[in-house]
């Protein structure tokens, strides 16, 4: 299947919408199909696939969860990537 990835690494930082905490994100190109979130702030840097099978909650934000680890408010970033044609 055809997939499109980022050309280079891009970093973002700001204040979490619901947590009010400082958030840092690094968007990186991938040779593999599919978008994943890596929780670099946790031991072992667990990975959460951006897949509808992992939607845990949708109240006020979309929370993805995989093997007990979650990431919240993913919908805006995923929508922006999708609108640019980024699939991996």
PDB file of N, CA and C in Angstrom:
ATOM      1  N   UNK A   1       0.839  -1.184   0.000  1.00  0.00           N
ATOM      2  CA  UNK A   1       0.000   0.000   0.000  1.00  0.00           C
ATOM      3  C   UNK A   1       0.882   1.244   0.000  1.00  0.00           C
ATOM      4  N   UNK A   2       0.484   2.256  -0.731  1.00  0.00           N
ATOM      5  CA  UNK A   2       1.205   3.513  -0.809  1.00  0.00           C
ATOM      6  C   UNK A   2       1.116   4.256   0.524  1.00  0.00           C
ATOM      7  N   UNK A   3       2.249   4.802   0.956  1.00  0.00           N
ATOM      8  CA  UNK A   3       2.209   5.671   2.127  1.00  0.00           C
ATOM      9  C   UNK A   3       3.143   6.850   1.912  1.00  0.00           C
ATOM     10  N   UNK A   4       2.838   7.929   2.619  1.00  0.00           N
ATOM     11  CA  UNK A   4       3.599   9.171   2.503  1.00  0.00           C
ATOM     12  C   UNK A   4       4.062   9.560   3.903  1.00  0.00           C
ATOM     13  N   UNK A   5       5.344   9.899   4.028  1.00  0.00           N
ATOM     14  CA  UNK A   5       5.884  10.259   5.330  1.00  0.00           C
ATOM     15  C   UNK A   5       6.457  11.675   5.285  1.00  0.00           C
ATOM     16  N   UNK A   6       6.919  12.149   6.407  1.00  0.00           N
ATOM     17  CA  UNK A   6       7.545  13.468   6.495  1.00  0.00           C
ATOM     18  C   UNK A   6       8.919  13.442   5.843  1.00  0.00           C
ATOM     19  N   UNK A   7       9.368  14.589   5.381  1.00  0.00           N
ATOM     20  CA  UNK A   7      10.679  14.678   4.749  1.00  0.00           C
ATOM     21  C   UNK A   7      11.793  14.798   5.781  1.00  0.00           C
ATOM     22  N   UNK A   8      11.505  15.476   6.904  1.00  0.00           N
ATOM     23  CA  UNK A   8      12.526  15.672   7.924  1.00  0.00           C
ATOM     24  C   UNK A   8      11.886  15.716   9.311  1.00  0.00           C
ATOM     25  N   UNK A   9      12.708  15.660  10.340  1.00  0.00           N
ATOM     26  CA  UNK A   9      12.247  15.740  11.723  1.00  0.00           C
ATOM     27  C   UNK A   9      11.777  17.158  12.023  1.00  0.00           C
ATOM     28  N   UNK A  10      10.640  17.252  12.715  1.00  0.00           N
ATOM     29  CA  UNK A  10      10.078  18.536  13.115  1.00  0.00           C
ATOM     30  C   UNK A  10       9.722  18.462  14.594  1.00  0.00           C
ATOM     31  N   UNK A  11      10.070  19.484  15.349  1.00  0.00           N
ATOM     32  CA  UNK A  11       9.762  19.514  16.777  1.00  0.00           C
ATOM     33  C   UNK A  11       8.716  20.579  17.068  1.00  0.00           C
ATOM     34  N   UNK A  12       7.859  20.276  18.019  1.00  0.00           N
ATOM     35  CA  UNK A  12       6.813  21.194  18.464  1.00  0.00           C
ATOM     36  C   UNK A  12       6.811  21.226  19.978  1.00  0.00           C
ATOM     37  N   UNK A  13       6.416  22.337  20.559  1.00  0.00           N
ATOM     38  CA  UNK A  13       6.240  22.397  22.006  1.00  0.00           C
ATOM     39  C   UNK A  13       5.187  23.438  22.324  1.00  0.00           C
ATOM     40  N   UNK A  14       4.546  23.256  23.463  1.00  0.00           N
ATOM     41  CA  UNK A  14       3.502  24.175  23.885  1.00  0.00           C
ATOM     42  C   UNK A  14       2.862  23.680  25.163  1.00  0.00           C
ATOM     43  N   UNK A  15       1.712  24.260  25.477  1.00  0.00           N
ATOM     44  CA  UNK A  15       0.990  23.908  26.685  1.00  0.00           C
ATOM     45  C   UNK A  15      -0.141  22.953  26.322  1.00  0.00           C
ATOM     46  N   UNK A  16      -0.239  21.840  27.047  1.00  0.00           N
ATOM     47  CA  UNK A  16      -1.297  20.858  26.811  1.00  0.00           C
ATOM     48  C   UNK A  16      -2.666  21.482  27.009  1.00  0.00           C
ATOM     49  N   UNK A  17      -3.565  21.263  26.063  1.00  0.00           N
ATOM     50  CA  UNK A  17      -4.894  21.866  26.069  1.00  0.00           C
ATOM     51  C   UNK A  17      -5.667  21.558  27.337  1.00  0.00           C
ATOM     52  N   UNK A  18      -5.693  20.308  27.763  1.00  0.00           N
ATOM     53  CA  UNK A  18      -6.473  19.919  28.941  1.00  0.00           C
ATOM     54  C   UNK A  18      -5.639  19.797  30.206  1.00  0.00           C
ATOM     55  N   UNK A  19      -4.346  19.488  30.065  1.00  0.00           N
ATOM     56  CA  UNK A  19      -3.504  19.302  31.254  1.00  0.00           C
ATOM     57  C   UNK A  19      -2.883  20.602  31.746  1.00  0.00           C
ATOM     58  N   UNK A  20      -2.662  21.546  30.834  1.00  0.00           N
ATOM     59  CA  UNK A  20      -1.981  22.783  31.200  1.00  0.00           C
ATOM     60  C   UNK A  20      -0.486  22.595  31.395  1.00  0.00           C
ATOM     61  N   UNK A  21       0.016  21.399  31.131  1.00  0.00           N
ATOM     62  CA  UNK A  21       1.433  21.103  31.306  1.00  0.00           C
ATOM     63  C   UNK A  21       2.207  21.335  30.010  1.00  0.00           C
ATOM     64  N   UNK A  22       3.507  21.582  30.147  1.00  0.00           N
ATOM     65  CA  UNK A  22       4.373  21.729  28.982  1.00  0.00           C
ATOM     66  C   UNK A  22       4.429  20.420  28.211  1.00  0.00           C
ATOM     67  N   UNK A  23       4.249  20.489  26.903  1.00  0.00           N
ATOM     68  CA  UNK A  23       4.255  19.303  26.049  1.00  0.00           C
ATOM     69  C   UNK A  23       5.279  19.504  24.942  1.00  0.00           C
ATOM     70  N   UNK A  24       6.074  18.480  24.688  1.00  0.00           N
ATOM     71  CA  UNK A  24       7.046  18.509  23.603  1.00  0.00           C
ATOM     72  C   UNK A  24       6.746  17.338  22.679  1.00  0.00           C
ATOM     73  N   UNK A  25       6.759  17.599  21.382  1.00  0.00           N
ATOM     74  CA  UNK A  25       6.505  16.544  20.402  1.00  0.00           C
ATOM     75  C   UNK A  25       7.553  16.620  19.310  1.00  0.00           C
ATOM     76  N   UNK A  26       7.945  15.468  18.839  1.00  0.00           N
ATOM     77  CA  UNK A  26       8.910  15.369  17.750  1.00  0.00           C
ATOM     78  C   UNK A  26       8.270  14.506  16.666  1.00  0.00           C
ATOM     79  N   UNK A  27       8.061  15.071  15.498  1.00  0.00           N
ATOM     80  CA  UNK A  27       7.484  14.336  14.379  1.00  0.00           C
ATOM     81  C   UNK A  27       8.629  13.869  13.506  1.00  0.00           C
ATOM     82  N   UNK A  28       8.659  12.556  13.245  1.00  0.00           N
ATOM     83  CA  UNK A  28       9.793  11.980  12.519  1.00  0.00           C
ATOM     84  C   UNK A  28       9.322  11.156  11.328  1.00  0.00           C
ATOM     85  N   UNK A  29      10.111  11.156  10.247  1.00  0.00           N
ATOM     86  CA  UNK A  29       9.786  10.308   9.096  1.00  0.00           C
ATOM     87  C   UNK A  29       9.817   8.834   9.490  1.00  0.00           C
ATOM     88  N   UNK A  30       9.076   8.022   8.739  1.00  0.00           N
ATOM     89  CA  UNK A  30       9.035   6.594   9.022  1.00  0.00           C
ATOM     90  C   UNK A  30       9.116   5.784   7.737  1.00  0.00           C
ATOM     91  N   UNK A  31       9.852   4.692   7.795  1.00  0.00           N
ATOM     92  CA  UNK A  31       9.922   3.774   6.658  1.00  0.00           C
ATOM     93  C   UNK A  31       8.758   2.791   6.698  1.00  0.00           C
ATOM     94  N   UNK A  32       8.098   2.694   7.848  1.00  0.00           N
ATOM     95  CA  UNK A  32       6.986   1.761   8.035  1.00  0.00           C
ATOM     96  C   UNK A  32       5.653   2.471   7.807  1.00  0.00           C
ATOM     97  N   UNK A  33       4.664   1.777   7.266  1.00  0.00           N
ATOM     98  CA  UNK A  33       3.338   2.393   7.121  1.00  0.00           C
ATOM     99  C   UNK A  33       2.664   2.567   8.472  1.00  0.00           C
ATOM    100  N   UNK A  34       1.866   3.586   8.600  1.00  0.00           N
ATOM    101  CA  UNK A  34       1.117   3.842   9.823  1.00  0.00           C
ATOM    102  C   UNK A  34       1.790   4.855  10.723  1.00  0.00           C
ATOM    103  N   UNK A  35       0.962   5.616  11.417  1.00  0.00           N
ATOM    104  CA  UNK A  35       1.432   6.629  12.366  1.00  0.00           C
ATOM    105  C   UNK A  35       1.420   6.027  13.762  1.00  0.00           C
ATOM    106  N   UNK A  36       2.472   6.272  14.525  1.00  0.00           N
ATOM    107  CA  UNK A  36       2.549   5.800  15.915  1.00  0.00           C
ATOM    108  C   UNK A  36       2.978   6.956  16.812  1.00  0.00           C
ATOM    109  N   UNK A  37       2.517   6.904  18.048  1.00  0.00           N
ATOM    110  CA  UNK A  37       2.961   7.834  19.082  1.00  0.00           C
ATOM    111  C   UNK A  37       3.919   7.082  19.980  1.00  0.00           C
ATOM    112  N   UNK A  38       5.070   7.669  20.274  1.00  0.00           N
ATOM    113  CA  UNK A  38       6.038   7.084  21.190  1.00  0.00           C
ATOM    114  C   UNK A  38       6.077   7.946  22.438  1.00  0.00           C
ATOM    115  N   UNK A  39       5.819   7.356  23.591  1.00  0.00           N
ATOM    116  CA  UNK A  39       5.852   8.077  24.864  1.00  0.00           C
ATOM    117  C   UNK A  39       7.284   8.089  25.377  1.00  0.00           C
ATOM    118  N   UNK A  40       8.084   9.027  24.887  1.00  0.00           N
ATOM    119  CA  UNK A  40       9.492   9.129  25.262  1.00  0.00           C
ATOM    120  C   UNK A  40       9.673   9.540  26.718  1.00  0.00           C
ATOM    121  N   UNK A  41       8.590  10.007  27.360  1.00  0.00           N
ATOM    122  CA  UNK A  41       8.655  10.406  28.764  1.00  0.00           C
ATOM    123  C   UNK A  41       8.481   9.236  29.721  1.00  0.00           C
ATOM    124  N   UNK A  42       8.213   8.046  29.183  1.00  0.00           N
ATOM    125  CA  UNK A  42       8.005   6.863  30.028  1.00  0.00           C
ATOM    126  C   UNK A  42       9.120   5.846  29.827  1.00  0.00           C
ATOM    127  N   UNK A  43       9.411   5.045  30.861  1.00  0.00           N
ATOM    128  CA  UNK A  43      10.436   4.010  30.726  1.00  0.00           C
ATOM    129  C   UNK A  43      10.107   3.054  29.579  1.00  0.00           C
ATOM    130  N   UNK A  44      11.110   2.716  28.810  1.00  0.00           N
ATOM    131  CA  UNK A  44      10.923   1.805  27.687  1.00  0.00           C
ATOM    132  C   UNK A  44      10.357   2.471  26.446  1.00  0.00           C
ATOM    133  N   UNK A  45       9.987   3.729  26.553  1.00  0.00           N
ATOM    134  CA  UNK A  45       9.425   4.494  25.436  1.00  0.00           C
ATOM    135  C   UNK A  45       8.350   3.706  24.678  1.00  0.00           C
ATOM    136  N   UNK A  46       7.245   3.378  25.374  1.00  0.00           N
ATOM    137  CA  UNK A  46       6.201   2.570  24.736  1.00  0.00           C
ATOM    138  C   UNK A  46       5.579   3.259  23.522  1.00  0.00           C
ATOM    139  N   UNK A  47       5.132   2.440  22.586  1.00  0.00           N
ATOM    140  CA  UNK A  47       4.557   2.924  21.334  1.00  0.00           C
ATOM    141  C   UNK A  47       3.055   2.675  21.335  1.00  0.00           C
ATOM    142  N   UNK A  48       2.302   3.663  20.848  1.00  0.00           N
ATOM    143  CA  UNK A  48       0.852   3.562  20.728  1.00  0.00           C
ATOM    144  C   UNK A  48       0.495   3.787  19.258  1.00  0.00           C
ATOM    145  N   UNK A  49       0.016   2.762  18.566  1.00  0.00           N
ATOM    146  CA  UNK A  49      -0.373   2.934  17.167  1.00  0.00           C
ATOM    147  C   UNK A  49      -1.586   3.852  17.041  1.00  0.00           C
ATOM    148  N   UNK A  50      -1.569   4.730  16.055  1.00  0.00           N
ATOM    149  CA  UNK A  50      -2.709   5.607  15.778  1.00  0.00           C
ATOM    150  C   UNK A  50      -3.686   4.811  14.911  1.00  0.00           C
ATOM    151  N   UNK A  51      -4.498   4.031  15.578  1.00  0.00           N
ATOM    152  CA  UNK A  51      -5.408   3.111  14.914  1.00  0.00           C
ATOM    153  C   UNK A  51      -6.747   3.140  15.663  1.00  0.00           C
ATOM    154  N   UNK A  52      -7.850   3.082  14.947  1.00  0.00           N
ATOM    155  CA  UNK A  52      -9.153   3.169  15.610  1.00  0.00           C
ATOM    156  C   UNK A  52      -9.364   2.048  16.625  1.00  0.00           C
ATOM    157  N   UNK A  53      -8.667   0.943  16.486  1.00  0.00           N
ATOM    158  CA  UNK A  53      -8.781  -0.142  17.454  1.00  0.00           C
ATOM    159  C   UNK A  53      -8.286   0.277  18.846  1.00  0.00           C
ATOM    160  N   UNK A  54      -7.495   1.335  18.914  1.00  0.00           N
ATOM    161  CA  UNK A  54      -6.891   1.766  20.176  1.00  0.00           C
ATOM    162  C   UNK A  54      -7.546   3.016  20.759  1.00  0.00           C
ATOM    163  N   UNK A  55      -8.700   3.412  20.208  1.00  0.00           N
ATOM    164  CA  UNK A  55      -9.427   4.550  20.780  1.00  0.00           C
ATOM    165  C   UNK A  55     -10.027   4.106  22.104  1.00  0.00           C
ATOM    166  N   UNK A  56      -9.609   4.768  23.182  1.00  0.00           N
ATOM    167  CA  UNK A  56     -10.070   4.401  24.520  1.00  0.00           C
ATOM    168  C   UNK A  56     -11.194   5.322  25.003  1.00  0.00           C
ATOM    169  N   UNK A  57     -11.104   6.603  24.664  1.00  0.00           N
ATOM    170  CA  UNK A  57     -12.102   7.587  25.094  1.00  0.00           C
ATOM    171  C   UNK A  57     -12.216   8.676  24.040  1.00  0.00           C
ATOM    172  N   UNK A  58     -13.398   9.297  24.005  1.00  0.00           N
ATOM    173  CA  UNK A  58     -13.607  10.415  23.069  1.00  0.00           C
ATOM    174  C   UNK A  58     -14.321  11.584  23.730  1.00  0.00           C
ATOM    175  N   UNK A  59     -14.340  11.642  25.060  1.00  0.00           N
ATOM    176  CA  UNK A  59     -14.967  12.751  25.768  1.00  0.00           C
ATOM    177  C   UNK A  59     -13.975  13.906  25.857  1.00  0.00           C
ATOM    178  N   UNK A  60     -14.273  15.011  25.222  1.00  0.00           N
ATOM    179  CA  UNK A  60     -13.448  16.233  25.187  1.00  0.00           C
ATOM    180  C   UNK A  60     -12.141  16.079  24.412  1.00  0.00           C
ATOM    181  N   UNK A  61     -11.751  14.873  24.078  1.00  0.00           N
ATOM    182  CA  UNK A  61     -10.510  14.631  23.331  1.00  0.00           C
ATOM    183  C   UNK A  61     -10.471  13.162  22.932  1.00  0.00           C
ATOM    184  N   UNK A  62      -9.703  12.861  21.911  1.00  0.00           N
ATOM    185  CA  UNK A  62      -9.521  11.460  21.520  1.00  0.00           C
ATOM    186  C   UNK A  62      -8.295  10.917  22.238  1.00  0.00           C
ATOM    187  N   UNK A  63      -8.508   9.874  23.025  1.00  0.00           N
ATOM    188  CA  UNK A  63      -7.430   9.224  23.757  1.00  0.00           C
ATOM    189  C   UNK A  63      -7.172   7.863  23.135  1.00  0.00           C
ATOM    190  N   UNK A  64      -5.928   7.641  22.737  1.00  0.00           N
ATOM    191  CA  UNK A  64      -5.508   6.343  22.227  1.00  0.00           C
ATOM    192  C   UNK A  64      -4.799   5.613  23.354  1.00  0.00           C
ATOM    193  N   UNK A  65      -5.053   4.314  23.477  1.00  0.00           N
ATOM    194  CA  UNK A  65      -4.423   3.522  24.531  1.00  0.00           C
ATOM    195  C   UNK A  65      -4.002   2.171  23.978  1.00  0.00           C
ATOM    196  N   UNK A  66      -2.800   1.747  24.376  1.00  0.00           N
ATOM    197  CA  UNK A  66      -2.269   0.459  23.935  1.00  0.00           C
ATOM    198  C   UNK A  66      -1.407  -0.113  25.042  1.00  0.00           C
ATOM    199  N   UNK A  67      -1.718  -1.313  25.451  1.00  0.00           N
ATOM    200  CA  UNK A  67      -0.983  -2.016  26.510  1.00  0.00           C
ATOM    201  C   UNK A  67      -0.838  -1.165  27.767  1.00  0.00           C
ATOM    202  N   UNK A  68      -1.931  -0.489  28.151  1.00  0.00           N
ATOM    203  CA  UNK A  68      -1.958   0.280  29.393  1.00  0.00           C
ATOM    204  C   UNK A  68      -1.345   1.664  29.328  1.00  0.00           C
ATOM    205  N   UNK A  69      -0.860   2.079  28.160  1.00  0.00           N
ATOM    206  CA  UNK A  69      -0.237   3.398  27.997  1.00  0.00           C
ATOM    207  C   UNK A  69      -1.128   4.224  27.070  1.00  0.00           C
ATOM    208  N   UNK A  70      -1.314   5.511  27.393  1.00  0.00           N
ATOM    209  CA  UNK A  70      -2.215   6.325  26.580  1.00  0.00           C
ATOM    210  C   UNK A  70      -1.588   7.652  26.170  1.00  0.00           C
ATOM    211  N   UNK A  71      -2.211   8.239  25.169  1.00  0.00           N
ATOM    212  CA  UNK A  71      -1.873   9.574  24.701  1.00  0.00           C
ATOM    213  C   UNK A  71      -3.201  10.247  24.344  1.00  0.00           C
ATOM    214  N   UNK A  72      -3.366  11.509  24.776  1.00  0.00           N
ATOM    215  CA  UNK A  72      -4.647  12.189  24.611  1.00  0.00           C
ATOM    216  C   UNK A  72      -4.563  13.385  23.677  1.00  0.00           C
ATOM    217  N   UNK A  73      -5.731  13.810  23.239  1.00  0.00           N
ATOM    218  CA  UNK A  73      -5.920  14.962  22.359  1.00  0.00           C
ATOM    219  C   UNK A  73      -5.113  14.782  21.068  1.00  0.00           C
ATOM    220  N   UNK A  74      -5.279  13.635  20.474  1.00  0.00           N
ATOM    221  CA  UNK A  74      -4.543  13.287  19.260  1.00  0.00           C
ATOM    222  C   UNK A  74      -5.239  13.749  17.981  1.00  0.00           C
ATOM    223  N   UNK A  75      -6.519  14.080  18.083  1.00  0.00           N
ATOM    224  CA  UNK A  75      -7.322  14.309  16.886  1.00  0.00           C
ATOM    225  C   UNK A  75      -6.859  15.484  16.033  1.00  0.00           C
ATOM    226  N   UNK A  76      -6.379  16.547  16.628  1.00  0.00           N
ATOM    227  CA  UNK A  76      -5.966  17.720  15.840  1.00  0.00           C
ATOM    228  C   UNK A  76      -4.683  17.440  15.052  1.00  0.00           C
ATOM    229  N   UNK A  77      -3.723  16.820  15.695  1.00  0.00           N
ATOM    230  CA  UNK A  77      -2.481  16.476  15.002  1.00  0.00           C
ATOM    231  C   UNK A  77      -2.749  15.468  13.891  1.00  0.00           C
ATOM    232  N   UNK A  78      -3.538  14.447  14.188  1.00  0.00           N
ATOM    233  CA  UNK A  78      -3.840  13.436  13.177  1.00  0.00           C
ATOM    234  C   UNK A  78      -4.609  14.039  11.997  1.00  0.00           C
ATOM    235  N   UNK A  79      -5.531  14.953  12.275  1.00  0.00           N
ATOM    236  CA  UNK A  79      -6.284  15.609  11.198  1.00  0.00           C
ATOM    237  C   UNK A  79      -5.362  16.464  10.334  1.00  0.00           C
ATOM    238  N   UNK A  80      -4.436  17.174  10.967  1.00  0.00           N
ATOM    239  CA  UNK A  80      -3.492  18.005  10.205  1.00  0.00           C
ATOM    240  C   UNK A  80      -2.598  17.133   9.322  1.00  0.00           C
ATOM    241  N   UNK A  81      -2.094  16.035   9.876  1.00  0.00           N
ATOM    242  CA  UNK A  81      -1.254  15.132   9.079  1.00  0.00           C
ATOM    243  C   UNK A  81      -2.053  14.536   7.922  1.00  0.00           C
ATOM    244  N   UNK A  82      -3.288  14.113   8.203  1.00  0.00           N
ATOM    245  CA  UNK A  82      -4.134  13.522   7.166  1.00  0.00           C
ATOM    246  C   UNK A  82      -4.388  14.533   6.045  1.00  0.00           C
ATOM    247  N   UNK A  83      -4.656  15.794   6.418  1.00  0.00           N
ATOM    248  CA  UNK A  83      -4.950  16.817   5.403  1.00  0.00           C
ATOM    249  C   UNK A  83      -3.747  17.084   4.509  1.00  0.00           C
ATOM    250  N   UNK A  84      -2.548  16.807   5.005  1.00  0.00           N
ATOM    251  CA  UNK A  84      -1.320  16.972   4.224  1.00  0.00           C
ATOM    252  C   UNK A  84      -0.939  15.688   3.479  1.00  0.00           C
ATOM    253  N   UNK A  85      -1.731  14.636   3.665  1.00  0.00           N
ATOM    254  CA  UNK A  85      -1.459  13.380   2.983  1.00  0.00           C
ATOM    255  C   UNK A  85      -0.452  12.503   3.681  1.00  0.00           C
ATOM    256  N   UNK A  86      -0.076  12.844   4.917  1.00  0.00           N
ATOM    257  CA  UNK A  86       0.907  12.050   5.665  1.00  0.00           C
ATOM    258  C   UNK A  86       0.194  10.834   6.249  1.00  0.00           C
ATOM    259  N   UNK A  87       0.705   9.643   5.911  1.00  0.00           N
ATOM    260  CA  UNK A  87       0.099   8.404   6.393  1.00  0.00           C
ATOM    261  C   UNK A  87       1.078   7.554   7.188  1.00  0.00           C
ATOM    262  N   UNK A  88       2.319   7.984   7.290  1.00  0.00           N
ATOM    263  CA  UNK A  88       3.319   7.223   8.047  1.00  0.00           C
ATOM    264  C   UNK A  88       4.366   8.155   8.620  1.00  0.00           C
TER     265      UNK A  88
END
